[in-house]
Amino acid sequence: MEKRIVILGAGESGTGSAVLAKTKGFEVFVSDIAKIKSHYKEILYNYEIDWEEEQHTERYILNADEIIKSPGISDKSEIMLAVSKKEIPVISEIEFAGRYTNARKICITGSNGKTTTTSLLHHMLRKAGLNCGLAGNVGKSFAMQVATKIYDYYVIELSSFQLDGMYEFKADIAILLNITPDHLDRYGYDMQNYVDSKFRLTHNLSEEDYFIYCSDDEITISELERIVLRAKQYEFSQKKKVKQGAYIDNNNMHVNINNSQMSVPLSELALKGKHNTYNSMAASIAGRVLDIKKEVIRESLKDFKGVEHRLERFIKVHGIEFINDSKATNVNSTWYALECMTTPTIWIVGGVDKGNDYSSLESLVKEKVKSIVCLGVDNSKLHKAFGHLVEDIKDASTMKEAVTIAYRMGQKEDTVLLSPACASFDLFKSYEDRGNQFKECVREL
């Protein structure tokens, strides 16, 4: 009898998993508690895959041999508790797709910088002429690509939610950028649970594989002291010289892999700011490990265009610059954004608070921020955190209102920065929707 695979969630990863499962000859059923987008319905129809929407029918789900769960579904949801009771194995799309490709997998995680580093590395591999897919938390679903394309390499961005459902999956090159508090609501407000989730990326690494990490990140280092890794290790640091990896000296980024050195002036990097220098260092080490020519790496670092919704310098209106950093869904991302500001800043902040501690932002807010616009359903925590630091702090309940208030607060040479430090789901469909609405409202000024 053929194995029955049930997929929970029919978004990008769920639909991709369904197509891959179908092409591999499994009996497939897709269930989504929400309405399925017409684009994904069409794919399911084309592949003759059974599905349901706006419900989870237990009799169709609990007879599965294996369940592939979309990363957004909580383990505490009603259906997952029922699945757990039946002891049905649950995996992620990444785990499933990894079974069906022999491509080399460069996998990137971290609390911040994942999308930028993944996109930069993909740009670098393509520039080097390598046949390479972009997958995971960015780009098209990994499973869909494994089902419909043939790549020699994948650059895969992995969130902690995706890592949670991985068991046998193995990266060939694993990159851990940093670990700062995020999604603690999902991890029982226990930081160690979140750290353990990030370090799942290192599971199954062998002597043939590579682990690239930031040695300036205290949490990463203390965890590394606790575990044993067989993989070859390369570090990157802005605080000290390193023997194997990347470091900064005299405003140059140096990369040294097996006594082969290269350097690039920081002034020539397309990505600006300290945090982006870390991203460039991690990508450069991976590039050298893959034997990409130094000149190609240099060119990639210089001509990379950046990621939409991440410190995206949008337009100036009457001398006021508008920056879209909607992708900053946690405090640490916003810390980096504020750190980059060089002009008086009107900061648009707020959304769904994931257990945020705003204290780390206080000194930057004092130094850089002249006014605050709180954009969320409940802004009380923001007023408490920052009300005593700035004179002008106002509330907005729509993006149009937030942009209009910020614009009126601004003067020539000021910057309006949308960097919410929170998830978007109280007022928007996603951080992309939030960023797109921001840009639309700015255009209308």
Protein backbone atom coordinates (compact mmCIF):
# COMPACT_ATOMS: atom_id res chain seq x y z
CA MET A 1 0.00 0.00 0.00
CA GLU A 2 1.36 3.44 -0.88
CA LYS A 3 2.44 5.70 1.94
CA ARG A 4 -0.02 8.50 2.84
CA ILE A 5 1.46 11.95 3.31
CA VAL A 6 -0.65 14.74 4.77
CA ILE A 7 0.47 18.34 4.41
CA LEU A 8 -0.76 20.95 6.87
CA GLY A 9 -0.76 24.43 5.36
CA ALA A 10 -1.08 25.19 1.64
CA GLY A 11 1.22 28.16 1.24
CA GLU A 12 4.55 28.18 -0.60
CA SER A 13 6.17 25.38 1.42
CA GLY A 14 3.04 23.23 1.77
CA THR A 15 2.11 23.34 -1.91
CA GLY A 16 5.71 22.60 -2.90
CA SER A 17 5.79 19.62 -0.52
CA ALA A 18 2.51 18.33 -1.97
CA VAL A 19 3.85 18.48 -5.53
CA LEU A 20 7.09 16.71 -4.57
CA ALA A 21 5.20 14.01 -2.64
CA LYS A 22 2.86 13.47 -5.60
CA THR A 23 5.75 13.19 -8.10
CA LYS A 24 7.36 10.59 -5.81
CA GLY A 25 4.22 8.42 -5.92
CA PHE A 26 2.76 9.05 -2.45
CA GLU A 27 -0.93 9.37 -1.65
CA VAL A 28 -1.20 13.09 -0.80
CA PHE A 29 -3.76 15.20 1.06
CA VAL A 30 -3.43 18.92 1.85
CA SER A 31 -5.34 20.64 4.66
CA ASP A 32 -5.36 24.36 5.49
CA ILE A 33 -7.29 26.03 8.32
CA ALA A 34 -7.38 29.24 6.24
CA LYS A 35 -8.55 29.90 2.71
CA ILE A 36 -6.06 28.64 0.09
CA LYS A 37 -4.82 31.27 -2.37
CA SER A 38 -6.10 30.71 -5.91
CA HIS A 39 -2.54 30.44 -7.26
CA TYR A 40 -1.83 27.46 -4.98
CA LYS A 41 -5.25 25.88 -5.66
CA GLU A 42 -4.43 25.89 -9.35
CA ILE A 43 -1.16 24.03 -8.71
CA LEU A 44 -2.98 21.43 -6.56
CA TYR A 45 -5.62 20.95 -9.29
CA ASN A 46 -2.95 20.58 -11.98
CA TYR A 47 -1.21 17.81 -10.01
CA GLU A 48 -4.56 16.18 -9.06
CA ILE A 49 -3.90 16.58 -5.34
CA ASP A 50 -6.82 16.36 -2.88
CA TRP A 51 -7.21 19.32 -0.52
CA GLU A 52 -9.49 21.05 1.94
CA GLU A 53 -9.58 24.65 3.19
CA GLU A 54 -10.92 26.54 6.22
CA GLN A 55 -10.88 23.35 8.30
CA HIS A 56 -8.77 20.43 9.48
CA THR A 57 -10.84 17.23 9.15
CA GLU A 58 -9.26 14.79 11.60
CA ARG A 59 -10.37 11.62 9.80
CA TYR A 60 -8.44 12.73 6.69
CA ILE A 61 -5.38 13.82 8.67
CA LEU A 62 -4.90 11.34 11.49
CA ASN A 63 -4.59 8.38 9.08
CA ALA A 64 -1.31 9.80 7.70
CA ASP A 65 1.94 7.81 7.73
CA GLU A 66 3.85 11.09 7.89
CA ILE A 67 2.85 14.75 8.20
CA ILE A 68 4.67 17.71 6.65
CA LYS A 69 3.82 20.81 8.68
CA SER A 70 4.17 24.37 7.45
CA PRO A 71 6.52 26.37 9.71
CA GLY A 72 3.83 28.83 10.84
CA ILE A 73 1.61 26.19 12.49
CA SER A 74 2.13 26.01 16.25
CA ASP A 75 2.75 22.65 17.95
CA LYS A 76 0.11 23.77 20.48
CA SER A 77 -2.64 24.12 17.86
CA GLU A 78 -5.63 21.80 18.21
CA ILE A 79 -4.74 19.68 15.17
CA MET A 80 -1.07 19.30 16.21
CA LEU A 81 -2.09 18.15 19.69
CA ALA A 82 -4.30 15.48 18.05
CA VAL A 83 -1.41 14.46 15.74
CA SER A 84 0.95 14.25 18.71
CA LYS A 85 -1.51 12.00 20.57
CA LYS A 86 -1.54 9.60 17.58
CA GLU A 87 2.30 9.72 17.48
CA ILE A 88 2.38 10.42 13.72
CA PRO A 89 5.87 11.54 12.61
CA VAL A 90 5.93 15.27 11.76
CA ILE A 91 8.66 16.82 9.60
CA SER A 92 9.34 20.08 7.78
CA GLU A 93 9.32 20.73 4.04
CA ILE A 94 13.13 21.09 4.20
CA GLU A 95 13.55 17.66 5.79
CA PHE A 96 11.28 16.09 3.16
CA ALA A 97 12.85 17.78 0.12
CA GLY A 98 16.37 17.03 1.37
CA ARG A 99 15.70 13.32 0.85
CA TYR A 100 15.35 13.78 -2.91
CA THR A 101 18.32 15.91 -3.98
CA ASN A 102 22.05 15.30 -4.18
CA ALA A 103 22.78 19.01 -4.70
CA ARG A 104 25.26 20.69 -2.32
CA LYS A 105 23.32 22.63 0.27
CA ILE A 106 24.58 25.90 1.76
CA CYS A 107 22.23 26.63 4.69
CA ILE A 108 22.00 29.92 6.55
CA THR A 109 20.32 30.72 9.86
CA GLY A 110 20.55 33.38 12.55
CA SER A 111 18.23 35.83 14.27
CA ASN A 112 19.16 38.58 11.81
CA GLY A 113 20.74 38.91 8.37
CA LYS A 114 19.55 35.55 6.98
CA THR A 115 17.75 36.84 3.89
CA THR A 116 20.48 39.33 3.00
CA THR A 117 23.29 36.75 3.36
CA THR A 118 21.31 34.07 1.49
CA SER A 119 20.53 36.45 -1.37
CA LEU A 120 24.12 37.72 -1.52
CA LEU A 121 25.52 34.18 -1.61
CA HIS A 122 23.05 33.13 -4.31
CA HIS A 123 24.10 36.20 -6.33
CA MET A 124 27.76 35.17 -5.87
CA LEU A 125 27.20 31.55 -6.98
CA ARG A 126 25.21 32.65 -10.03
CA LYS A 127 27.93 35.16 -10.93
CA ALA A 128 30.45 32.31 -10.71
CA GLY A 129 28.39 30.39 -13.29
CA LEU A 130 27.14 27.73 -10.87
CA ASN A 131 23.75 26.08 -11.41
CA CYS A 132 22.11 27.20 -8.19
CA GLY A 133 18.65 27.46 -6.59
CA LEU A 134 17.52 29.92 -3.89
CA ALA A 135 15.17 28.36 -1.34
CA GLY A 136 13.83 28.06 2.19
CA ASN A 137 12.49 31.16 3.88
CA VAL A 138 13.22 33.16 0.71
CA GLY A 139 12.55 32.52 -2.97
CA LYS A 140 10.54 29.52 -4.20
CA SER A 141 9.83 26.48 -2.06
CA PHE A 142 12.77 24.07 -1.77
CA ALA A 143 10.43 21.08 -2.31
CA MET A 144 8.90 22.60 -5.47
CA GLN A 145 12.35 23.19 -6.92
CA VAL A 146 13.49 19.64 -6.09
CA ALA A 147 10.30 18.36 -7.79
CA THR A 148 10.53 20.45 -10.95
CA LYS A 149 14.16 21.58 -11.49
CA ILE A 150 17.68 20.15 -11.37
CA TYR A 151 20.27 22.23 -9.51
CA ASP A 152 23.83 21.41 -8.45
CA TYR A 153 23.67 23.81 -5.48
CA TYR A 154 21.01 25.26 -3.21
CA VAL A 155 21.42 28.32 -1.01
CA ILE A 156 18.78 27.85 1.69
CA GLU A 157 17.62 30.33 4.33
CA LEU A 158 16.32 28.52 7.41
CA SER A 159 14.21 29.97 10.21
CA SER A 160 14.13 28.34 13.64
CA PHE A 161 10.60 27.09 12.83
CA GLN A 162 11.93 25.23 9.78
CA LEU A 163 14.87 23.84 11.74
CA ASP A 164 12.48 22.46 14.39
CA GLY A 165 11.14 19.90 11.91
CA MET A 166 14.52 18.64 10.71
CA TYR A 167 16.08 15.34 11.77
CA GLU A 168 18.13 13.59 9.05
CA PHE A 169 18.65 16.66 6.85
CA LYS A 170 22.28 17.72 6.47
CA ALA A 171 23.87 20.93 5.27
CA ASP A 172 27.17 20.75 3.37
CA ILE A 173 28.01 24.29 4.47
CA ALA A 174 26.19 25.56 7.58
CA ILE A 175 26.28 29.29 8.38
CA LEU A 176 25.12 30.63 11.75
CA LEU A 177 25.14 34.44 11.69
CA ASN A 178 24.07 35.33 15.25
CA ILE A 179 21.64 34.45 18.02
CA THR A 180 19.61 37.14 19.80
CA PRO A 181 16.22 36.79 21.53
CA ASP A 182 13.42 36.27 18.98
CA HIS A 183 10.18 34.25 18.77
CA LEU A 184 10.46 33.56 22.50
CA ASP A 185 6.66 33.29 22.61
CA ARG A 186 7.06 30.15 20.46
CA TYR A 187 9.80 28.70 22.72
CA GLY A 188 8.10 28.96 26.10
CA TYR A 189 10.02 32.21 26.82
CA ASP A 190 13.10 30.04 27.35
CA MET A 191 16.14 31.34 25.46
CA GLN A 192 17.90 27.94 25.58
CA ASN A 193 15.03 26.36 23.63
CA TYR A 194 15.54 28.96 20.89
CA VAL A 195 19.34 28.45 20.92
CA ASP A 196 18.85 24.67 20.64
CA SER A 197 16.59 25.26 17.66
CA LYS A 198 19.23 27.35 15.84
CA PHE A 199 21.95 24.78 16.55
CA ARG A 200 19.89 22.05 14.85
CA LEU A 201 21.59 23.41 11.73
CA THR A 202 24.82 21.76 12.92
CA HIS A 203 23.21 18.33 13.42
CA ASN A 204 24.56 15.61 11.13
CA LEU A 205 27.58 17.67 9.97
CA SER A 206 30.52 15.38 9.13
CA GLU A 207 34.30 15.96 8.79
CA GLU A 208 33.69 16.75 5.10
CA ASP A 209 31.33 19.64 5.94
CA TYR A 210 31.85 23.26 6.99
CA PHE A 211 30.52 25.36 9.85
CA ILE A 212 30.85 29.15 9.49
CA TYR A 213 30.01 31.27 12.55
CA CYS A 214 30.43 34.68 14.17
CA SER A 215 32.98 34.55 16.98
CA ASP A 216 31.79 37.99 18.23
CA ASP A 217 28.44 36.44 19.15
CA GLU A 218 28.62 35.42 22.82
CA ILE A 219 25.67 33.03 22.75
CA THR A 220 27.11 31.16 19.75
CA ILE A 221 30.53 30.84 21.41
CA SER A 222 29.20 29.62 24.76
CA GLU A 223 27.09 27.00 22.96
CA LEU A 224 30.06 25.89 20.84
CA GLU A 225 32.06 25.27 24.03
CA ARG A 226 29.30 22.93 25.17
CA ILE A 227 28.95 20.76 22.06
CA VAL A 228 31.28 18.73 19.87
CA LEU A 229 31.34 19.49 16.15
CA ARG A 230 33.18 17.35 13.60
CA ALA A 231 32.88 19.83 10.73
CA LYS A 232 35.68 22.17 9.60
CA GLN A 233 35.12 25.49 11.38
CA TYR A 234 35.64 29.02 10.03
CA GLU A 235 34.91 32.11 12.10
CA PHE A 236 34.30 35.75 11.25
CA SER A 237 34.93 38.68 13.59
CA GLN A 238 35.07 42.47 13.58
CA LYS A 239 36.80 42.54 16.97
CA LYS A 240 39.92 40.44 16.40
CA LYS A 241 42.13 38.87 13.72
CA VAL A 242 41.32 35.23 13.01
CA LYS A 243 43.55 32.52 11.55
CA GLN A 244 40.88 30.77 9.44
CA GLY A 245 37.94 32.87 8.32
CA ALA A 246 37.32 36.61 7.97
CA TYR A 247 38.22 39.72 9.97
CA ILE A 248 38.54 43.51 9.67
CA ASP A 249 41.82 45.39 9.74
CA ASN A 250 42.57 48.97 8.58
CA ASN A 251 39.07 49.34 7.08
CA ASN A 252 39.59 46.25 4.93
CA MET A 253 37.77 42.94 5.11
CA HIS A 254 40.29 40.07 4.98
CA VAL A 255 39.37 36.46 4.20
CA ASN A 256 41.88 33.71 4.87
CA ILE A 257 41.00 30.11 3.97
CA ASN A 258 43.79 27.50 4.07
CA ASN A 259 46.49 30.16 3.67
CA SER A 260 44.81 31.64 0.60
CA GLN A 261 44.07 35.29 1.35
CA MET A 262 41.92 37.99 -0.20
CA SER A 263 40.84 41.45 0.94
CA VAL A 264 38.22 44.07 0.02
CA PRO A 265 38.05 47.69 1.27
CA LEU A 266 34.93 48.20 3.42
CA SER A 267 34.21 51.34 1.40
CA GLU A 268 33.63 49.19 -1.69
CA LEU A 269 31.06 46.84 -0.14
CA ALA A 270 27.55 47.37 -1.53
CA LEU A 271 26.06 46.53 1.87
CA LYS A 272 26.67 49.27 4.45
CA GLY A 273 26.62 49.13 8.26
CA LYS A 274 28.32 46.87 10.79
CA HIS A 275 25.67 44.15 10.63
CA ASN A 276 25.93 44.01 6.84
CA THR A 277 29.70 43.69 7.07
CA TYR A 278 29.11 40.49 9.08
CA ASN A 279 26.79 39.24 6.31
CA SER A 280 29.42 40.01 3.66
CA MET A 281 32.08 38.19 5.69
CA ALA A 282 29.97 35.05 6.09
CA ALA A 283 29.13 34.96 2.37
CA SER A 284 32.78 35.52 1.41
CA ILE A 285 34.00 32.61 3.54
CA ALA A 286 31.38 30.33 1.95
CA GLY A 287 32.43 31.58 -1.49
CA ARG A 288 36.08 30.70 -0.82
CA VAL A 289 35.15 27.29 0.63
CA LEU A 290 33.35 26.64 -2.68
CA ASP A 291 36.50 27.70 -4.59
CA ILE A 292 34.80 30.66 -6.22
CA LYS A 293 37.42 32.97 -7.73
CA LYS A 294 38.45 35.89 -5.54
CA GLU A 295 37.63 38.37 -8.31
CA VAL A 296 34.07 37.02 -8.61
CA ILE A 297 33.60 37.30 -4.82
CA ARG A 298 34.87 40.90 -4.88
CA GLU A 299 32.57 41.83 -7.77
CA SER A 300 29.58 40.21 -6.04
CA LEU A 301 30.23 42.15 -2.83
CA LYS A 302 30.43 45.39 -4.81
CA ASP A 303 27.42 45.07 -7.12
CA PHE A 304 24.86 43.26 -4.90
CA LYS A 305 21.57 45.18 -4.87
CA GLY A 306 20.31 44.29 -1.38
CA VAL A 307 16.96 42.87 -0.26
CA GLU A 308 13.56 44.53 -0.51
CA HIS A 309 12.09 45.62 2.88
CA ARG A 310 15.53 45.45 4.56
CA LEU A 311 16.98 48.94 5.15
CA GLU A 312 15.66 49.78 1.69
CA ARG A 313 16.42 53.44 1.00
CA PHE A 314 13.23 54.27 -0.82
CA ILE A 315 12.76 57.90 -1.91
CA LYS A 316 13.16 61.46 -0.65
CA VAL A 317 10.12 63.71 -0.34
CA HIS A 318 10.92 67.42 0.12
CA GLY A 319 14.34 66.53 1.47
CA ILE A 320 13.07 63.87 3.94
CA GLU A 321 14.45 60.38 3.24
CA PHE A 322 12.10 57.40 3.70
CA ILE A 323 13.65 54.02 4.57
CA ASN A 324 11.66 50.77 4.45
CA ASP A 325 12.94 48.27 7.02
CA SER A 326 9.68 46.37 7.41
CA LYS A 327 11.64 43.09 7.59
CA ALA A 328 12.90 44.15 11.04
CA THR A 329 10.50 41.98 13.02
CA ASN A 330 12.61 41.81 16.18
CA VAL A 331 14.45 44.23 18.48
CA ASN A 332 17.92 43.26 17.30
CA SER A 333 17.11 43.97 13.64
CA THR A 334 15.85 47.39 14.63
CA TRP A 335 18.99 47.98 16.73
CA TYR A 336 21.06 47.52 13.57
CA ALA A 337 18.78 49.84 11.60
CA LEU A 338 18.96 52.62 14.21
CA GLU A 339 22.72 52.16 14.48
CA CYS A 340 23.00 52.96 10.73
CA MET A 341 21.09 56.26 10.98
CA THR A 342 23.21 59.37 10.42
CA THR A 343 20.47 62.05 10.37
CA PRO A 344 17.67 62.98 12.86
CA THR A 345 15.22 60.08 12.67
CA ILE A 346 11.45 59.78 12.91
CA TRP A 347 10.93 56.15 13.80
CA ILE A 348 7.79 54.16 12.92
CA VAL A 349 7.64 51.16 15.28
CA GLY A 350 5.11 48.59 16.52
CA GLY A 351 2.99 45.56 15.68
CA VAL A 352 2.68 42.20 17.39
CA ASP A 353 5.13 42.13 20.30
CA LYS A 354 6.83 38.69 20.59
CA GLY A 355 7.94 39.19 24.21
CA ASN A 356 10.25 42.08 23.27
CA ASP A 357 12.70 43.70 25.68
CA TYR A 358 13.27 47.22 24.33
CA SER A 359 15.96 48.24 26.84
CA SER A 360 18.83 47.57 24.38
CA LEU A 361 17.43 50.31 22.10
CA GLU A 362 17.36 53.08 24.72
CA SER A 363 20.78 54.63 24.10
CA LEU A 364 20.29 54.57 20.30
CA VAL A 365 16.84 56.16 20.63
CA LYS A 366 18.31 58.91 22.84
CA GLU A 367 21.09 59.54 20.35
CA LYS A 368 19.33 59.19 16.99
CA VAL A 369 15.53 59.48 17.29
CA LYS A 370 13.72 62.83 17.42
CA SER A 371 10.12 61.50 17.19
CA ILE A 372 8.28 58.17 17.32
CA VAL A 373 5.12 56.97 15.57
CA CYS A 374 3.66 53.81 17.17
CA LEU A 375 1.85 51.68 14.59
CA GLY A 376 -0.06 48.84 16.20
CA VAL A 377 -3.26 47.70 17.85
CA ASP A 378 -1.71 48.00 21.32
CA ASN A 379 1.11 50.55 21.73
CA SER A 380 1.17 50.79 25.54
CA LYS A 381 4.46 48.89 25.92
CA LEU A 382 6.17 51.21 23.40
CA HIS A 383 4.96 54.32 25.23
CA LYS A 384 6.29 52.87 28.50
CA ALA A 385 9.66 52.00 26.92
CA PHE A 386 10.28 55.23 24.98
CA GLY A 387 7.85 57.89 26.17
CA HIS A 388 10.44 59.37 28.56
CA LEU A 389 13.18 59.43 25.86
CA VAL A 390 11.49 61.48 23.13
CA GLU A 391 9.16 64.46 23.44
CA ASP A 392 7.07 63.58 20.43
CA ILE A 393 5.45 60.11 20.48
CA LYS A 394 2.19 59.55 18.61
CA ASP A 395 -0.11 56.62 17.76
CA ALA A 396 -1.35 55.48 14.35
CA SER A 397 -3.72 52.66 13.47
CA THR A 398 -3.11 52.57 9.69
CA MET A 399 0.01 52.88 7.55
CA LYS A 400 -1.40 55.97 5.82
CA GLU A 401 -1.88 57.68 9.18
CA ALA A 402 1.63 56.66 10.34
CA VAL A 403 3.33 57.96 7.17
CA THR A 404 1.34 61.23 7.24
CA ILE A 405 2.18 61.87 10.93
CA ALA A 406 5.87 61.04 10.35
CA TYR A 407 6.03 63.31 7.31
CA ARG A 408 4.53 66.23 9.27
CA MET A 409 7.04 65.68 12.08
CA GLY A 410 9.97 65.77 9.64
CA GLN A 411 12.13 68.55 8.24
CA LYS A 412 14.60 68.69 5.38
CA GLU A 413 17.59 66.32 5.99
CA ASP A 414 15.55 64.13 8.41
CA THR A 415 14.94 60.40 7.90
CA VAL A 416 11.66 58.54 8.36
CA LEU A 417 12.53 54.94 9.27
CA LEU A 418 9.95 52.15 9.26
CA SER A 419 11.65 49.53 11.46
CA PRO A 420 8.87 47.92 13.49
CA ALA A 421 10.79 45.53 15.83
CA CYS A 422 7.55 43.51 15.85
CA ALA A 423 5.61 41.03 13.74
CA SER A 424 3.07 42.46 11.31
CA PHE A 425 -0.01 40.33 11.81
CA ASP A 426 -2.14 42.78 13.84
CA LEU A 427 -2.66 45.18 10.91
CA PHE A 428 -0.99 43.54 7.88
CA LYS A 429 -0.87 40.18 6.07
CA SER A 430 2.93 39.99 6.31
CA TYR A 431 6.03 42.15 6.64
CA GLU A 432 6.04 42.40 2.81
CA ASP A 433 2.49 43.75 2.85
CA ARG A 434 3.52 46.23 5.57
CA GLY A 435 6.55 47.38 3.56
CA ASN A 436 4.58 47.66 0.31
CA GLN A 437 1.86 49.71 2.02
CA PHE A 438 4.56 51.98 3.47
CA LYS A 439 6.04 52.60 0.01
CA GLU A 440 2.60 53.17 -1.52
CA CYS A 441 1.69 55.73 1.18
CA VAL A 442 5.04 57.52 0.77
CA ARG A 443 4.47 57.73 -3.00
CA GLU A 444 1.11 59.40 -2.34
CA LEU A 445 2.59 62.20 -0.19
